[in-house]
N, C-alpha and C. Protein backbone atom coordinates (compact mmCIF):
# COMPACT_ATOMS: atom_id res chain seq x y z
N UNK A 1 -19.62 -44.96 -7.34
CA UNK A 1 -20.99 -44.95 -6.25
C UNK A 1 -20.95 -43.68 -5.39
N UNK A 2 -19.88 -43.86 -4.46
CA UNK A 2 -19.87 -42.68 -3.52
C UNK A 2 -19.37 -40.94 -4.24
N UNK A 3 -19.10 -41.23 -5.58
CA UNK A 3 -18.80 -39.97 -6.25
C UNK A 3 -19.89 -38.99 -5.99
N UNK A 4 -21.38 -39.32 -6.05
CA UNK A 4 -22.27 -38.80 -6.11
C UNK A 4 -22.86 -37.72 -4.80
N UNK A 5 -21.71 -38.19 -3.57
CA UNK A 5 -21.65 -37.26 -2.41
C UNK A 5 -20.94 -36.13 -2.55
N UNK A 6 -19.86 -36.14 -3.66
CA UNK A 6 -18.85 -35.42 -3.16
C UNK A 6 -19.32 -33.93 -3.78
N UNK A 7 -19.25 -32.86 -3.18
CA UNK A 7 -19.65 -31.47 -3.58
C UNK A 7 -18.93 -30.67 -4.28
N UNK A 8 -19.40 -29.84 -5.26
CA UNK A 8 -19.17 -29.11 -6.37
C UNK A 8 -18.46 -27.98 -6.15
N UNK A 9 -17.33 -28.11 -5.97
CA UNK A 9 -16.23 -26.84 -5.62
C UNK A 9 -16.92 -25.49 -6.72
N UNK A 10 -17.01 -25.99 -7.80
CA UNK A 10 -17.25 -25.00 -9.00
C UNK A 10 -18.50 -24.38 -8.72
N UNK A 11 -19.49 -24.69 -8.11
CA UNK A 11 -20.82 -24.19 -7.62
C UNK A 11 -20.64 -23.64 -6.33
N UNK A 12 -20.18 -23.77 -5.56
CA UNK A 12 -19.67 -22.56 -4.23
C UNK A 12 -19.15 -21.57 -4.85
N UNK A 13 -18.02 -21.90 -5.65
CA UNK A 13 -17.27 -20.48 -6.08
C UNK A 13 -17.94 -19.90 -7.16
N UNK A 14 -18.91 -20.38 -7.72
CA UNK A 14 -19.98 -19.48 -8.41
C UNK A 14 -20.79 -18.76 -7.80
N UNK A 15 -21.21 -19.43 -6.62
CA UNK A 15 -22.35 -18.57 -5.71
C UNK A 15 -21.48 -17.40 -5.12
N UNK A 16 -20.15 -17.50 -4.76
CA UNK A 16 -19.49 -16.56 -3.92
C UNK A 16 -18.95 -15.35 -5.09
N UNK A 17 -18.90 -15.99 -6.30
CA UNK A 17 -18.31 -15.11 -7.39
C UNK A 17 -19.87 -14.19 -7.26
N UNK A 18 -21.00 -14.63 -7.37
CA UNK A 18 -22.27 -13.84 -7.86
C UNK A 18 -22.32 -12.84 -6.61
N UNK A 19 -22.14 -13.30 -5.38
CA UNK A 19 -22.12 -12.50 -4.04
C UNK A 19 -21.41 -11.27 -4.12
N UNK A 20 -20.16 -11.51 -4.82
CA UNK A 20 -19.14 -10.49 -4.83
C UNK A 20 -19.72 -9.36 -6.02
N UNK A 21 -20.31 -10.13 -7.27
CA UNK A 21 -20.71 -8.95 -7.93
C UNK A 21 -21.67 -8.25 -7.51
N UNK A 22 -22.53 -8.63 -6.79
CA UNK A 22 -23.62 -7.84 -6.25
C UNK A 22 -22.98 -7.14 -5.38
N UNK A 23 -22.28 -7.61 -4.56
CA UNK A 23 -21.72 -6.54 -3.22
C UNK A 23 -20.90 -5.13 -4.07
N UNK A 24 -20.31 -5.32 -5.19
CA UNK A 24 -19.48 -4.15 -5.80
C UNK A 24 -20.58 -3.75 -6.52
N UNK A 25 -21.74 -3.92 -7.14
CA UNK A 25 -22.63 -2.94 -7.70
C UNK A 25 -23.27 -2.31 -6.66
N UNK A 26 -23.64 -2.70 -5.46
CA UNK A 26 -24.47 -2.29 -4.09
C UNK A 26 -23.42 -0.98 -4.01
N UNK A 27 -21.86 -1.18 -3.85
CA UNK A 27 -20.52 -0.25 -3.35
C UNK A 27 -20.62 0.57 -4.54
N UNK A 28 -20.87 0.58 -5.92
CA UNK A 28 -21.18 1.35 -6.96
C UNK A 28 -22.24 2.40 -6.77
N UNK A 29 -23.45 1.93 -6.31
CA UNK A 29 -24.58 2.73 -6.25
C UNK A 29 -24.48 3.66 -5.11
N UNK A 30 -23.57 3.13 -4.29
CA UNK A 30 -23.39 4.16 -2.92
C UNK A 30 -22.02 5.11 -3.13
N UNK A 31 -22.06 5.03 -4.18
CA UNK A 31 -20.33 6.04 -4.33
C UNK A 31 -19.15 5.47 -3.82
N UNK A 32 -19.17 4.48 -3.42
CA UNK A 32 -17.72 3.86 -2.68
C UNK A 32 -17.26 2.94 -3.70
N UNK A 33 -16.59 4.06 -4.60
CA UNK A 33 -15.70 3.25 -5.83
C UNK A 33 -14.22 2.23 -5.19
N UNK A 34 -13.70 3.00 -4.19
CA UNK A 34 -12.64 1.79 -3.67
C UNK A 34 -13.01 0.50 -3.44
N UNK A 35 -14.25 0.66 -2.87
CA UNK A 35 -15.22 -0.83 -2.52
C UNK A 35 -15.52 -1.61 -3.57
N UNK A 36 -15.83 -0.87 -4.38
CA UNK A 36 -16.04 -1.50 -5.93
C UNK A 36 -15.35 -2.02 -6.52
N UNK A 37 -13.98 -1.33 -6.47
CA UNK A 37 -12.88 -1.83 -7.00
C UNK A 37 -12.14 -3.21 -6.66
N UNK A 38 -12.33 -2.88 -4.89
CA UNK A 38 -11.89 -4.31 -4.63
C UNK A 38 -12.56 -5.37 -4.53
N UNK A 39 -13.84 -5.24 -4.67
CA UNK A 39 -14.49 -6.23 -4.86
C UNK A 39 -14.55 -6.66 -6.07
N UNK A 40 -14.63 -6.05 -7.43
CA UNK A 40 -14.65 -6.48 -8.46
C UNK A 40 -13.25 -7.22 -8.81
N UNK A 41 -12.13 -6.82 -8.53
CA UNK A 41 -10.95 -7.75 -8.21
C UNK A 41 -11.10 -8.90 -7.79
N UNK A 42 -11.85 -9.08 -6.51
CA UNK A 42 -11.77 -10.56 -5.57
C UNK A 42 -12.80 -11.12 -6.82
N UNK A 43 -13.96 -10.68 -7.45
CA UNK A 43 -14.83 -11.21 -8.24
C UNK A 43 -14.09 -11.76 -9.28
N UNK A 44 -13.34 -10.89 -10.08
CA UNK A 44 -12.52 -11.66 -11.10
C UNK A 44 -11.53 -12.91 -10.72
N UNK A 45 -10.93 -12.69 -9.64
CA UNK A 45 -10.27 -13.84 -8.93
C UNK A 45 -10.58 -15.28 -9.14
N UNK A 46 -12.06 -14.86 -8.45
CA UNK A 46 -12.93 -16.32 -8.26
C UNK A 46 -13.31 -16.54 -9.68
N UNK A 47 -13.80 -16.14 -10.64
CA UNK A 47 -13.90 -15.86 -12.14
C UNK A 47 -12.69 -16.83 -12.75
N UNK A 48 -11.54 -16.42 -12.38
CA UNK A 48 -10.21 -17.25 -12.98
C UNK A 48 -10.31 -18.52 -12.43
N UNK A 49 -10.41 -18.99 -11.00
CA UNK A 49 -10.55 -19.74 -10.59
C UNK A 49 -11.57 -21.09 -11.14
N UNK A 50 -12.93 -20.22 -11.23
CA UNK A 50 -14.11 -21.42 -11.69
C UNK A 50 -13.54 -21.70 -13.57
N UNK A 51 -12.79 -20.95 -14.29
CA UNK A 51 -12.62 -21.24 -15.10
C UNK A 51 -11.39 -22.27 -15.39
N UNK A 52 -10.57 -22.25 -14.47
CA UNK A 52 -9.51 -23.07 -14.02
C UNK A 52 -10.11 -24.46 -14.04
N UNK A 53 -10.68 -24.39 -13.00
CA UNK A 53 -11.51 -25.66 -12.71
C UNK A 53 -12.48 -26.29 -13.92
N UNK A 54 -13.29 -25.45 -14.47
CA UNK A 54 -13.54 -26.04 -15.90
C UNK A 54 -12.76 -26.45 -17.01
N UNK A 55 -11.45 -25.98 -17.30
CA UNK A 55 -10.40 -26.63 -17.87
C UNK A 55 -10.20 -27.70 -17.60
N UNK A 56 -10.09 -28.09 -16.32
CA UNK A 56 -9.71 -29.63 -15.83
C UNK A 56 -10.60 -30.73 -15.96
N UNK A 57 -11.89 -30.29 -15.87
CA UNK A 57 -12.94 -31.10 -16.13
C UNK A 57 -13.04 -32.04 -17.32
């Protein structure tokens, strides 16, 4: 019964992943390729974590 009050860690990671991709796109548009690469790498790490969580569910 109390399980319905648990927060979904996947949802939070998905939101952070989308924010990182958006920031990477904006950095790319502004010509900051170093920031784009860094943000894309961080987004890929978040995506790997999301997939790991999905595999365990």
